[in-house]
Structures are given as structure tokens and as C-alpha cells.
Amino acid sequence: MAKKVVATLQTTGKDFAKVIQVVKSKKTNAYTFKETIVPNDKVKEFLK
């Protein structure tokens, strides 16, 4: 079953991008990373 899931993700996963955004905390001034999977046509809108 796992092989089928991986195979379907490889064929449909080309329409998505993994976006890693750096976010600074106001309380501790530390940087954290926020990872999100976004469709390719929505990447620029997400980063604004």
C-alpha cells in the first residue's frame, strides 16, 4: 500500500512547492522556520 501512495504523490506532487519562510518572534527575537506546501501558482501570493 505504501508504494501506491508514494507513486501517486510523485505524479501529482509536481503541481506543488514546499515553501520555507523565516519568521521572527516578537517576544524572544528568535527566528523560526515555517514550512508549508503550496500550489505552484500561489507561491508568490503566499510570500507577500
N, C-alpha and C. Protein backbone atom coordinates (compact mmCIF):
# COMPACT_ATOMS: atom_id res chain seq x y z
N MET A 1 0.82 -1.19 0.00
CA MET A 1 0.00 0.00 0.00
C MET A 1 0.86 1.26 0.00
N ALA A 2 1.96 1.23 0.69
CA ALA A 2 2.81 2.41 0.76
C ALA A 2 3.40 2.75 -0.61
N LYS A 3 3.69 1.75 -1.40
CA LYS A 3 4.24 2.00 -2.73
C LYS A 3 3.24 2.73 -3.61
N LYS A 4 1.97 2.41 -3.48
CA LYS A 4 0.94 3.09 -4.25
C LYS A 4 0.84 4.55 -3.84
N VAL A 5 0.92 4.84 -2.56
CA VAL A 5 0.83 6.21 -2.07
C VAL A 5 2.01 7.02 -2.58
N VAL A 6 3.20 6.48 -2.52
CA VAL A 6 4.39 7.19 -2.99
C VAL A 6 4.29 7.44 -4.49
N ALA A 7 3.80 6.47 -5.23
CA ALA A 7 3.68 6.61 -6.68
C ALA A 7 2.68 7.70 -7.03
N THR A 8 1.58 7.81 -6.31
CA THR A 8 0.61 8.85 -6.62
C THR A 8 1.11 10.21 -6.21
N LEU A 9 1.89 10.29 -5.15
CA LEU A 9 2.44 11.59 -4.75
C LEU A 9 3.48 12.07 -5.75
N GLN A 10 4.22 11.18 -6.35
CA GLN A 10 5.23 11.58 -7.32
C GLN A 10 4.59 12.13 -8.59
N THR A 11 3.46 11.60 -8.98
CA THR A 11 2.83 12.08 -10.21
C THR A 11 2.03 13.34 -9.97
N THR A 12 1.37 13.47 -8.82
CA THR A 12 0.56 14.66 -8.55
C THR A 12 1.34 15.72 -7.79
N GLY A 13 2.48 15.40 -7.23
CA GLY A 13 3.25 16.34 -6.41
C GLY A 13 3.99 17.38 -7.21
N LYS A 14 4.00 17.27 -8.53
CA LYS A 14 4.72 18.24 -9.34
C LYS A 14 4.00 19.57 -9.42
N ASP A 15 2.76 19.62 -9.01
CA ASP A 15 1.98 20.85 -9.04
C ASP A 15 2.14 21.67 -7.77
N PHE A 16 2.90 21.16 -6.80
CA PHE A 16 3.04 21.83 -5.52
C PHE A 16 4.50 22.14 -5.22
N ALA A 17 4.71 23.15 -4.37
CA ALA A 17 6.05 23.53 -3.96
C ALA A 17 6.09 23.63 -2.44
N LYS A 18 7.20 23.24 -1.86
CA LYS A 18 7.39 23.36 -0.42
C LYS A 18 8.05 24.71 -0.16
N VAL A 19 7.36 25.58 0.57
CA VAL A 19 7.85 26.93 0.84
C VAL A 19 8.31 26.99 2.29
N ILE A 20 9.54 27.45 2.49
CA ILE A 20 10.09 27.61 3.83
C ILE A 20 10.24 29.10 4.09
N GLN A 21 9.55 29.59 5.11
CA GLN A 21 9.52 31.01 5.41
C GLN A 21 10.16 31.25 6.78
N VAL A 22 10.98 32.28 6.89
CA VAL A 22 11.62 32.63 8.15
C VAL A 22 10.72 33.63 8.88
N VAL A 23 10.38 33.32 10.14
CA VAL A 23 9.51 34.18 10.92
C VAL A 23 10.25 34.56 12.20
N LYS A 24 10.24 35.85 12.53
CA LYS A 24 10.91 36.32 13.74
C LYS A 24 9.87 36.51 14.84
N SER A 25 10.14 35.94 16.00
CA SER A 25 9.25 36.05 17.14
C SER A 25 9.41 37.42 17.79
N LYS A 26 8.30 38.04 18.13
CA LYS A 26 8.36 39.36 18.76
C LYS A 26 8.77 39.28 20.23
N LYS A 27 8.43 38.17 20.88
CA LYS A 27 8.73 38.03 22.31
C LYS A 27 10.20 37.72 22.55
N THR A 28 10.77 36.77 21.83
CA THR A 28 12.12 36.30 22.12
C THR A 28 13.15 36.76 21.10
N ASN A 29 12.71 37.40 20.02
CA ASN A 29 13.59 37.82 18.91
C ASN A 29 14.33 36.65 18.28
N ALA A 30 13.80 35.47 18.41
CA ALA A 30 14.40 34.28 17.80
C ALA A 30 13.73 34.03 16.45
N TYR A 31 14.48 33.42 15.56
CA TYR A 31 13.95 33.09 14.24
C TYR A 31 13.46 31.65 14.22
N THR A 32 12.32 31.44 13.62
CA THR A 32 11.78 30.10 13.42
C THR A 32 11.46 29.92 11.94
N PHE A 33 11.34 28.68 11.53
CA PHE A 33 11.06 28.38 10.14
C PHE A 33 9.67 27.77 10.03
N LYS A 34 8.90 28.29 9.10
CA LYS A 34 7.54 27.80 8.86
C LYS A 34 7.52 27.13 7.49
N GLU A 35 7.22 25.84 7.45
CA GLU A 35 7.19 25.09 6.20
C GLU A 35 5.74 24.86 5.79
N THR A 36 5.44 25.14 4.53
CA THR A 36 4.09 24.99 4.01
C THR A 36 4.17 24.44 2.59
N ILE A 37 3.23 23.61 2.23
CA ILE A 37 3.13 23.11 0.86
C ILE A 37 2.03 23.90 0.16
N VAL A 38 2.41 24.56 -0.95
CA VAL A 38 1.53 25.49 -1.64
C VAL A 38 1.50 25.12 -3.12
N PRO A 39 0.37 25.29 -3.80
CA PRO A 39 0.35 25.08 -5.26
C PRO A 39 1.30 26.05 -5.96
N ASN A 40 1.87 25.63 -7.06
CA ASN A 40 2.88 26.44 -7.75
C ASN A 40 2.38 27.82 -8.16
N ASP A 41 1.13 27.94 -8.54
CA ASP A 41 0.63 29.23 -8.97
C ASP A 41 0.31 30.17 -7.82
N LYS A 42 0.32 29.71 -6.58
CA LYS A 42 0.01 30.54 -5.40
C LYS A 42 1.24 30.89 -4.58
N VAL A 43 2.44 30.54 -5.02
CA VAL A 43 3.65 30.75 -4.22
C VAL A 43 3.91 32.24 -4.00
N LYS A 44 3.83 33.05 -5.05
CA LYS A 44 4.12 34.48 -4.90
C LYS A 44 3.09 35.16 -4.00
N GLU A 45 1.84 34.74 -4.06
CA GLU A 45 0.82 35.30 -3.18
C GLU A 45 1.07 34.93 -1.73
N PHE A 46 1.56 33.73 -1.50
CA PHE A 46 1.82 33.27 -0.13
C PHE A 46 2.97 34.05 0.49
N LEU A 47 3.99 34.39 -0.29
CA LEU A 47 5.16 35.06 0.25
C LEU A 47 4.95 36.56 0.47
N LYS A 48 3.89 37.12 -0.04
CA LYS A 48 3.63 38.57 0.18
C LYS A 48 3.14 38.85 1.56
